[in-house]
Amino acid sequence: MKYQDVAKKKLPDTPGVYFFLGPRKKILYIGKATSLRDRVKSYFIKDVISSRGPQIAKMIEDAVSIDVITTDSVLEALILEAHLIKKHQPKYNTKEKDDTSFNYILITDEDFPRVLLVRGRELLKEGVDKKVPHARYVAGPFPQGTLLRDAMKIIRKIFPFRDTCVPGSGKPCFNRQIGLCPGVCTGETLKAEYQKTIANLTLFLEGKKSALIKKLLREMKAYAKKQEFEKAHNTKKTIFTLRHIQDIALLKNNQGGRASFAGRIEAYDIAHISGKYLVGVMAVVLGGEPDKSEYRKFKIRTVAGADDTASLAEILRRRFEHSEWTYPRLIVIDGGIAQKNRAQKVLKDLGIGIPVVSVVKDERHRPREILGNKEHFRKCEREILFANSEAHRFAVAYHRTLRDRI
């Protein structure tokens, strides 16, 4: 597909879900966007295409058209994207992906269902132990853990639910005290009423907000007719909230944080003692915040001795074997010019055009300077230094864990 074809299509500058379509309108890829216009156009910028990896480049080549569904908020785009990916299983969303590392929303199969965030690998154990109970409904996968957690904070304010408290225990849990549990623990909410809330939440997670609002309008009128005015008022408030979702946190994270930098930063570090217990790690910062669900550990396999640059090269090659992992907008290396040059060579050999900066430390291991194109770090120095410190902390912790096992 060519950029000229996209330019002819007047895409809206609103949140929503976009579809890359192949022949006969077969869905090849589904994505979400804060701005459909800007997001879709971003696929056709030459250096960005090279940074996305070969799978996405092939998807763009195979696509013949684009379609979109607008939403009223980023939250709804996030939910709808996951629902449609699950429904259609598009080739380039699922190809070579390891869904066991993704996040899911699980609603348990109980009289007073819990709403939990679980990993794909935990779903495989469903029903085996009390930590992963049987599910009545599962939404996902959601690749971005931080974005999903922020989304759940918003959703829980609209649909207060139970997660850990014991029904009828008589003691209000912490979430009840702050209005995020409807009082399952204290016996304030009856089973039928709570099940209705879960049904409404399920509709929302299926991307059916319009149908949900129509249902709530009918319920509100029924409550009013029976002179249950408090319930009618609460339902009216829920409808208003659904129509005016405030998702500033999602806008921040989906756009990559503050205006200073838009995108995902990956930071890499190596840890060892005189070449022993040699490990490497990847830390991820998105929107100025750590996304710990995206952190990765690497035991060094091909390097003997204390060769940090060779170890760095190994973990970068292994990381980019995973084209299903979201590619970063910037890579941060711990070290000097040698480490930076080695990282750039690995990326060049792989045909990946992601900029690299390195953080040079002083004798007390404090940041002294950042090496690289100033345009790549002029507006995000804080994020770079934070990502570097996270990678160092994570690498040291992983190294100590291995060392202590011996």
Protein backbone atom coordinates (compact mmCIF):
# COMPACT_ATOMS: atom_id res chain seq x y z
CA MET A 1 0.00 0.00 0.00
CA LYS A 2 1.27 3.49 -0.86
CA TYR A 3 1.09 6.69 1.15
CA GLN A 4 -0.79 8.38 -1.70
CA ASP A 5 -3.67 5.92 -1.15
CA VAL A 6 -3.85 6.90 2.53
CA ALA A 7 -3.61 10.63 1.78
CA LYS A 8 -6.78 10.40 -0.35
CA LYS A 9 -8.70 8.98 2.59
CA LYS A 10 -9.85 11.67 5.02
CA LEU A 11 -9.08 10.07 8.36
CA PRO A 12 -10.52 11.71 11.51
CA ASP A 13 -8.34 13.31 14.15
CA THR A 14 -10.11 11.35 16.90
CA PRO A 15 -9.52 8.20 18.98
CA GLY A 16 -10.52 4.90 17.48
CA VAL A 17 -9.52 1.60 15.95
CA TYR A 18 -7.98 1.19 12.49
CA PHE A 19 -7.86 -1.84 10.17
CA PHE A 20 -5.31 -2.62 7.48
CA LEU A 21 -7.23 -4.69 4.92
CA GLY A 22 -6.00 -7.09 2.25
CA PRO A 23 -7.82 -8.35 -0.86
CA ARG A 24 -11.56 -8.99 -0.36
CA LYS A 25 -11.38 -6.81 2.77
CA LYS A 26 -9.59 -9.49 4.77
CA ILE A 27 -8.40 -7.97 8.05
CA LEU A 28 -4.59 -8.09 8.22
CA TYR A 29 -3.98 -5.90 11.27
CA ILE A 30 -5.96 -4.03 13.93
CA GLY A 31 -4.61 -1.16 16.01
CA LYS A 32 -5.83 1.61 18.31
CA ALA A 33 -5.06 5.30 18.14
CA THR A 34 -5.43 8.55 20.02
CA SER A 35 -5.61 10.23 16.61
CA LEU A 36 -6.55 7.90 13.77
CA ARG A 37 -5.22 10.37 11.20
CA ASP A 38 -1.77 10.74 12.78
CA ARG A 39 -1.42 7.09 13.74
CA VAL A 40 -2.19 5.67 10.31
CA LYS A 41 0.05 8.21 8.57
CA SER A 42 2.91 7.24 10.89
CA TYR A 43 3.13 3.84 9.17
CA PHE A 44 4.24 5.52 5.96
CA ILE A 45 7.18 7.53 7.25
CA LYS A 46 10.26 5.79 5.92
CA ASP A 47 12.42 5.69 9.06
CA VAL A 48 9.46 4.65 11.23
CA ILE A 49 8.68 1.72 8.95
CA SER A 50 12.27 0.52 9.31
CA SER A 51 11.97 0.81 13.09
CA ARG A 52 8.78 -1.24 13.27
CA GLY A 53 10.38 -4.39 11.95
CA PRO A 54 9.91 -6.72 8.99
CA GLN A 55 6.47 -8.05 9.98
CA ILE A 56 4.81 -4.64 9.98
CA ALA A 57 6.65 -3.62 6.79
CA LYS A 58 5.29 -6.76 5.10
CA MET A 59 1.80 -6.02 6.42
CA ILE A 60 1.85 -2.55 4.84
CA GLU A 61 3.03 -4.08 1.58
CA ASP A 62 0.16 -6.62 1.62
CA ALA A 63 -2.54 -4.08 2.53
CA VAL A 64 -4.79 -2.64 -0.17
CA SER A 65 -7.06 -0.42 1.95
CA ILE A 66 -7.69 1.00 5.42
CA ASP A 67 -10.88 1.24 7.47
CA VAL A 68 -11.54 2.87 10.84
CA ILE A 69 -14.03 2.90 13.70
CA THR A 70 -14.09 6.10 15.74
CA THR A 71 -14.62 6.03 19.51
CA ASP A 72 -15.44 8.71 22.07
CA SER A 73 -12.30 8.04 24.11
CA VAL A 74 -8.91 6.32 24.16
CA LEU A 75 -10.29 3.95 26.80
CA GLU A 76 -12.94 2.69 24.39
CA ALA A 77 -10.35 2.36 21.61
CA LEU A 78 -8.17 0.22 23.89
CA ILE A 79 -11.10 -2.03 24.83
CA LEU A 80 -12.46 -2.29 21.30
CA GLU A 81 -9.05 -3.12 19.83
CA ALA A 82 -8.58 -6.08 22.20
CA HIS A 83 -12.12 -7.34 21.56
CA LEU A 84 -11.74 -7.18 17.76
CA ILE A 85 -8.30 -8.82 17.77
CA LYS A 86 -9.74 -11.67 19.84
CA LYS A 87 -12.72 -11.95 17.47
CA HIS A 88 -10.92 -11.75 14.10
CA GLN A 89 -7.40 -13.05 14.93
CA PRO A 90 -5.74 -10.92 12.22
CA LYS A 91 -2.64 -12.43 10.64
CA TYR A 92 -0.22 -9.68 11.61
CA ASN A 93 -1.56 -9.23 15.14
CA THR A 94 -1.13 -12.90 15.98
CA LYS A 95 1.82 -14.01 13.84
CA GLU A 96 4.67 -15.26 16.02
CA LYS A 97 3.25 -13.50 19.10
CA ASP A 98 3.75 -14.98 22.53
CA ASP A 99 0.35 -14.24 24.09
CA THR A 100 1.49 -15.84 27.34
CA SER A 101 3.28 -12.58 28.21
CA PHE A 102 0.27 -10.37 27.44
CA ASN A 103 -2.30 -9.13 29.94
CA TYR A 104 -5.95 -10.14 30.20
CA ILE A 105 -8.99 -9.06 32.20
CA LEU A 106 -10.56 -12.12 33.83
CA ILE A 107 -14.04 -12.16 35.39
CA THR A 108 -14.39 -15.16 37.68
CA ASP A 109 -17.24 -17.66 37.64
CA GLU A 110 -18.60 -17.07 41.16
CA ASP A 111 -21.77 -15.77 42.83
CA PHE A 112 -19.91 -12.50 43.40
CA PRO A 113 -17.42 -12.50 40.52
CA ARG A 114 -13.99 -10.99 40.94
CA VAL A 115 -12.37 -8.87 38.23
CA LEU A 116 -8.65 -9.63 37.95
CA LEU A 117 -5.70 -8.75 35.75
CA VAL A 118 -3.76 -11.88 34.73
CA ARG A 119 -1.04 -12.86 32.31
CA GLY A 120 -1.60 -15.24 29.42
CA ARG A 121 0.65 -17.84 31.03
CA GLU A 122 -1.59 -17.72 34.13
CA LEU A 123 -4.70 -18.36 32.02
CA LEU A 124 -3.15 -21.66 30.97
CA LYS A 125 -3.33 -22.69 34.64
CA GLU A 126 -6.99 -21.69 35.01
CA GLY A 127 -8.72 -23.75 37.67
CA VAL A 128 -5.51 -25.47 38.77
CA ASP A 129 -5.11 -23.40 41.92
CA LYS A 130 -6.91 -20.69 43.85
CA LYS A 131 -4.76 -17.93 42.32
CA VAL A 132 -6.22 -18.55 38.86
CA PRO A 133 -9.91 -19.38 39.25
CA HIS A 134 -12.32 -20.50 36.54
CA ALA A 135 -13.40 -17.64 34.30
CA ARG A 136 -16.86 -16.68 33.09
CA TYR A 137 -15.38 -14.06 30.77
CA VAL A 138 -11.89 -13.08 29.54
CA ALA A 139 -11.04 -9.85 27.70
CA GLY A 140 -7.75 -9.36 25.88
CA PRO A 141 -4.96 -9.75 25.04
CA PHE A 142 -3.63 -6.32 25.99
CA PRO A 143 0.07 -5.95 25.10
CA GLN A 144 0.66 -2.76 27.13
CA GLY A 145 0.47 -3.48 30.85
CA THR A 146 0.76 0.11 32.08
CA LEU A 147 -1.97 1.32 29.75
CA LEU A 148 -4.28 -1.49 30.86
CA ARG A 149 -3.74 -0.79 34.55
CA ASP A 150 -4.58 2.89 33.99
CA ALA A 151 -7.66 1.83 32.02
CA MET A 152 -8.84 -0.43 34.84
CA LYS A 153 -8.63 2.46 37.30
CA ILE A 154 -11.08 4.38 35.11
CA ILE A 155 -13.33 1.38 34.53
CA ARG A 156 -13.51 0.59 38.24
CA LYS A 157 -14.82 4.07 38.99
CA ILE A 158 -17.66 3.45 36.52
CA PHE A 159 -18.34 -0.16 37.56
CA PRO A 160 -17.12 -0.75 41.15
CA PHE A 161 -16.20 -4.42 41.49
CA ARG A 162 -14.77 -6.99 43.85
CA ASP A 163 -11.23 -8.27 43.44
CA THR A 164 -9.90 -9.67 46.72
CA CYS A 165 -12.45 -9.11 49.49
CA VAL A 166 -14.57 -11.90 51.02
CA PRO A 167 -18.34 -11.63 50.39
CA GLY A 168 -20.37 -11.04 53.52
CA SER A 169 -17.38 -10.86 55.85
CA GLY A 170 -18.91 -7.83 57.55
CA LYS A 171 -15.67 -5.89 57.41
CA PRO A 172 -15.33 -3.23 54.69
CA CYS A 173 -12.27 -3.76 52.51
CA PHE A 174 -10.00 -0.86 51.59
CA ASN A 175 -11.60 -0.51 48.15
CA ARG A 176 -15.05 -0.29 49.75
CA GLN A 177 -13.82 2.58 51.87
CA ILE A 178 -12.75 4.54 48.77
CA GLY A 179 -15.79 3.62 46.69
CA LEU A 180 -14.19 1.09 44.33
CA CYS A 181 -15.96 -1.98 45.78
CA PRO A 182 -19.78 -1.86 45.89
CA GLY A 183 -19.92 -3.42 49.36
CA VAL A 184 -19.77 -7.11 48.53
CA CYS A 185 -17.71 -7.60 51.69
CA THR A 186 -20.17 -5.74 53.94
CA GLY A 187 -23.31 -7.31 52.49
CA GLU A 188 -24.58 -3.98 51.13
CA THR A 189 -24.90 -5.36 47.59
CA LEU A 190 -27.17 -8.30 46.82
CA LYS A 191 -26.11 -11.05 44.43
CA ALA A 192 -28.63 -10.09 41.71
CA GLU A 193 -27.63 -6.43 41.82
CA TYR A 194 -23.92 -7.20 41.65
CA GLN A 195 -24.43 -9.68 38.80
CA LYS A 196 -26.15 -6.88 36.89
CA THR A 197 -23.06 -4.69 37.36
CA ILE A 198 -20.84 -7.48 36.05
CA ALA A 199 -23.12 -7.92 33.03
CA ASN A 200 -22.82 -4.20 32.28
CA LEU A 201 -19.04 -4.35 32.67
CA THR A 202 -18.90 -7.29 30.27
CA LEU A 203 -20.87 -5.34 27.66
CA PHE A 204 -18.40 -2.48 28.00
CA LEU A 205 -15.42 -4.83 27.64
CA GLU A 206 -16.97 -6.16 24.44
CA GLY A 207 -16.94 -2.65 22.99
CA LYS A 208 -20.74 -2.34 23.09
CA LYS A 209 -21.08 1.04 24.80
CA SER A 210 -24.09 2.13 22.75
CA ALA A 211 -26.01 -1.05 23.61
CA LEU A 212 -24.98 -0.64 27.25
CA ILE A 213 -26.27 2.94 27.44
CA LYS A 214 -29.61 1.89 25.91
CA LYS A 215 -29.86 -0.88 28.51
CA LEU A 216 -29.09 1.53 31.34
CA LEU A 217 -31.66 4.03 30.09
CA ARG A 218 -34.31 1.32 30.24
CA GLU A 219 -33.19 0.38 33.77
CA MET A 220 -33.26 4.02 34.89
CA LYS A 221 -36.85 4.45 33.66
CA ALA A 222 -37.87 1.20 35.36
CA TYR A 223 -36.34 2.34 38.68
CA ALA A 224 -38.10 5.69 38.41
CA LYS A 225 -41.43 4.00 37.65
CA LYS A 226 -41.04 1.87 40.80
CA GLN A 227 -40.07 5.05 42.71
CA GLU A 228 -36.60 3.67 43.44
CA PHE A 229 -35.18 7.13 42.96
CA GLU A 230 -31.73 6.53 44.44
CA LYS A 231 -31.09 3.65 42.04
CA ALA A 232 -32.44 5.73 39.16
CA HIS A 233 -30.11 8.59 40.10
CA ASN A 234 -27.07 6.27 40.35
CA THR A 235 -27.88 4.77 36.95
CA LYS A 236 -28.19 8.26 35.48
CA LYS A 237 -24.73 9.10 36.85
CA THR A 238 -23.29 5.96 35.25
CA ILE A 239 -24.79 6.91 31.88
CA PHE A 240 -23.34 10.41 32.15
CA THR A 241 -19.90 9.02 33.03
CA LEU A 242 -19.99 6.63 30.06
CA ARG A 243 -20.85 9.52 27.76
CA HIS A 244 -18.10 11.73 29.19
CA ILE A 245 -15.22 9.39 29.96
CA GLN A 246 -12.22 11.21 31.39
CA ASP A 247 -9.11 9.37 30.27
CA ILE A 248 -6.29 11.89 30.56
CA ALA A 249 -3.95 9.21 31.96
CA LEU A 250 -4.53 7.06 28.87
CA LEU A 251 -3.92 10.00 26.55
CA LYS A 252 -0.62 10.55 28.34
CA ASN A 253 0.53 6.93 28.11
CA ASN A 254 -0.80 6.23 24.63
CA GLN A 255 1.05 9.26 23.28
CA GLY A 256 4.17 8.36 25.23
CA GLY A 257 3.89 10.72 28.21
CA ARG A 258 4.55 14.43 28.51
CA ALA A 259 4.96 16.60 25.45
CA SER A 260 8.72 16.25 25.88
CA PHE A 261 8.86 12.78 24.32
CA ALA A 262 6.41 10.58 22.48
CA GLY A 263 7.28 6.92 22.53
CA ARG A 264 8.68 3.88 24.21
CA ILE A 265 12.25 3.90 25.55
CA GLU A 266 14.17 0.65 26.02
CA ALA A 267 17.27 0.64 28.20
CA TYR A 268 19.88 -2.14 28.33
CA ASP A 269 22.52 -3.05 30.90
CA ILE A 270 24.94 -5.89 31.66
CA ALA A 271 25.90 -7.23 35.11
CA HIS A 272 28.61 -9.68 36.21
CA ILE A 273 31.51 -10.17 38.63
CA SER A 274 34.76 -10.57 36.68
CA GLY A 275 32.81 -12.25 33.88
CA LYS A 276 30.95 -14.65 36.18
CA TYR A 277 27.14 -14.89 36.41
CA LEU A 278 26.94 -12.79 33.24
CA VAL A 279 23.45 -11.42 32.57
CA GLY A 280 21.75 -8.69 30.58
CA VAL A 281 18.40 -6.94 30.92
CA MET A 282 15.97 -4.71 29.10
CA ALA A 283 13.91 -2.09 30.99
CA VAL A 284 11.04 -0.17 29.40
CA VAL A 285 9.86 3.38 30.13
CA LEU A 286 6.62 4.63 28.61
CA GLY A 287 5.25 8.10 29.29
CA GLY A 288 7.93 8.71 31.89
CA GLU A 289 6.82 5.65 33.88
CA PRO A 290 8.35 2.14 34.10
CA ASP A 291 6.33 -0.57 32.36
CA LYS A 292 7.60 -3.49 34.41
CA SER A 293 5.43 -6.02 32.60
CA GLU A 294 7.65 -5.36 29.56
CA TYR A 295 11.00 -5.85 31.34
CA ARG A 296 13.07 -8.79 30.08
CA LYS A 297 16.02 -10.85 31.43
CA PHE A 298 18.75 -12.51 29.37
CA LYS A 299 21.33 -15.07 30.46
CA ILE A 300 24.36 -14.47 28.27
CA ARG A 301 24.97 -17.58 26.14
CA THR A 302 27.73 -16.82 23.63
CA VAL A 303 30.22 -14.66 25.54
CA ALA A 304 32.97 -15.89 27.85
CA GLY A 305 34.54 -13.45 30.29
CA ALA A 306 33.92 -9.78 31.01
CA ASP A 307 33.12 -8.52 27.51
CA ASP A 308 30.30 -6.03 27.98
CA THR A 309 30.10 -4.92 24.35
CA ALA A 310 29.82 -8.50 23.03
CA SER A 311 27.21 -9.29 25.69
CA LEU A 312 25.25 -6.20 24.70
CA ALA A 313 25.35 -7.26 21.06
CA GLU A 314 23.99 -10.68 22.00
CA ILE A 315 21.00 -9.40 23.97
CA LEU A 316 20.12 -6.85 21.28
CA ARG A 317 20.13 -9.55 18.59
CA ARG A 318 17.99 -11.82 20.80
CA ARG A 319 15.61 -8.99 21.64
CA PHE A 320 14.99 -8.13 17.97
CA GLU A 321 14.33 -11.75 17.10
CA HIS A 322 11.02 -10.98 18.81
CA SER A 323 9.32 -8.90 16.12
CA GLU A 324 6.08 -9.33 18.07
CA TRP A 325 7.43 -7.13 20.90
CA THR A 326 6.60 -3.45 20.43
CA TYR A 327 9.61 -1.64 18.97
CA PRO A 328 10.99 1.37 20.89
CA ARG A 329 11.40 4.91 19.61
CA LEU A 330 14.74 5.20 21.42
CA ILE A 331 17.36 2.77 22.79
CA VAL A 332 19.47 3.67 25.84
CA ILE A 333 22.77 1.88 26.44
CA ASP A 334 24.83 1.92 29.63
CA GLY A 335 28.41 2.73 28.70
CA GLY A 336 30.61 4.84 26.47
CA ILE A 337 31.30 5.22 22.78
CA ALA A 338 32.33 1.55 22.35
CA GLN A 339 28.99 0.26 23.66
CA LYS A 340 27.05 2.83 21.65
CA ASN A 341 28.89 1.99 18.41
CA ARG A 342 28.41 -1.76 18.94
CA ALA A 343 24.68 -1.31 19.49
CA GLN A 344 24.35 0.81 16.35
CA LYS A 345 26.22 -1.81 14.31
CA VAL A 346 23.88 -4.58 15.51
CA LEU A 347 20.82 -2.52 14.55
CA LYS A 348 22.33 -1.63 11.18
CA ASP A 349 23.08 -5.29 10.45
CA LEU A 350 19.46 -6.12 11.32
CA GLY A 351 18.13 -3.31 9.11
CA ILE A 352 16.53 -1.50 12.05
CA GLY A 353 16.62 2.28 12.16
CA ILE A 354 16.12 3.06 15.84
CA PRO A 355 18.29 5.85 17.34
CA VAL A 356 20.73 4.93 20.13
CA VAL A 357 22.12 7.02 22.99
CA SER A 358 24.46 5.92 25.75
CA VAL A 359 24.84 7.10 29.33
CA VAL A 360 28.43 7.56 30.49
CA LYS A 361 29.05 7.21 34.25
CA ASP A 362 31.73 8.73 36.48
CA GLU A 363 33.91 6.82 38.94
CA ARG A 364 31.03 6.78 41.45
CA HIS A 365 28.69 5.35 38.80
CA ARG A 366 26.75 8.59 38.49
CA PRO A 367 25.63 9.85 35.05
CA ARG A 368 28.25 12.19 33.59
CA GLU A 369 26.99 12.72 30.03
CA ILE A 370 24.75 11.34 27.31
CA LEU A 371 26.32 10.40 23.98
CA GLY A 372 24.34 10.53 20.74
CA ASN A 373 22.43 12.86 18.48
CA LYS A 374 21.24 15.71 20.70
CA GLU A 375 17.94 15.83 18.83
CA HIS A 376 17.23 12.37 20.22
CA PHE A 377 17.63 13.34 23.86
CA ARG A 378 17.32 17.12 24.10
CA LYS A 379 13.68 16.92 25.27
CA CYS A 380 13.77 13.66 27.20
CA GLU A 381 16.95 13.65 29.25
CA ARG A 382 15.04 12.83 32.44
CA GLU A 383 13.38 9.80 30.83
CA ILE A 384 16.72 8.57 29.46
CA LEU A 385 18.45 8.79 32.83
CA PHE A 386 15.50 7.16 34.56
CA ALA A 387 15.41 4.29 32.03
CA ASN A 388 19.16 3.82 32.46
CA SER A 389 18.87 3.68 36.27
CA GLU A 390 15.98 1.19 36.00
CA ALA A 391 18.02 -1.07 33.72
CA HIS A 392 20.98 -0.93 36.10
CA ARG A 393 18.81 -1.69 39.14
CA PHE A 394 17.09 -4.57 37.32
CA ALA A 395 20.39 -6.02 36.05
CA VAL A 396 22.01 -5.95 39.50
CA ALA A 397 18.95 -7.57 41.09
CA TYR A 398 18.89 -10.35 38.46
CA HIS A 399 22.64 -10.93 38.80
CA ARG A 400 22.38 -11.20 42.59
CA THR A 401 19.51 -13.65 42.31
CA LEU A 402 21.58 -15.98 40.11
CA ARG A 403 24.68 -15.56 42.25
CA ASP A 404 22.80 -16.33 45.48
CA ARG A 405 21.46 -19.58 44.05
CA ILE A 406 24.97 -21.00 43.87
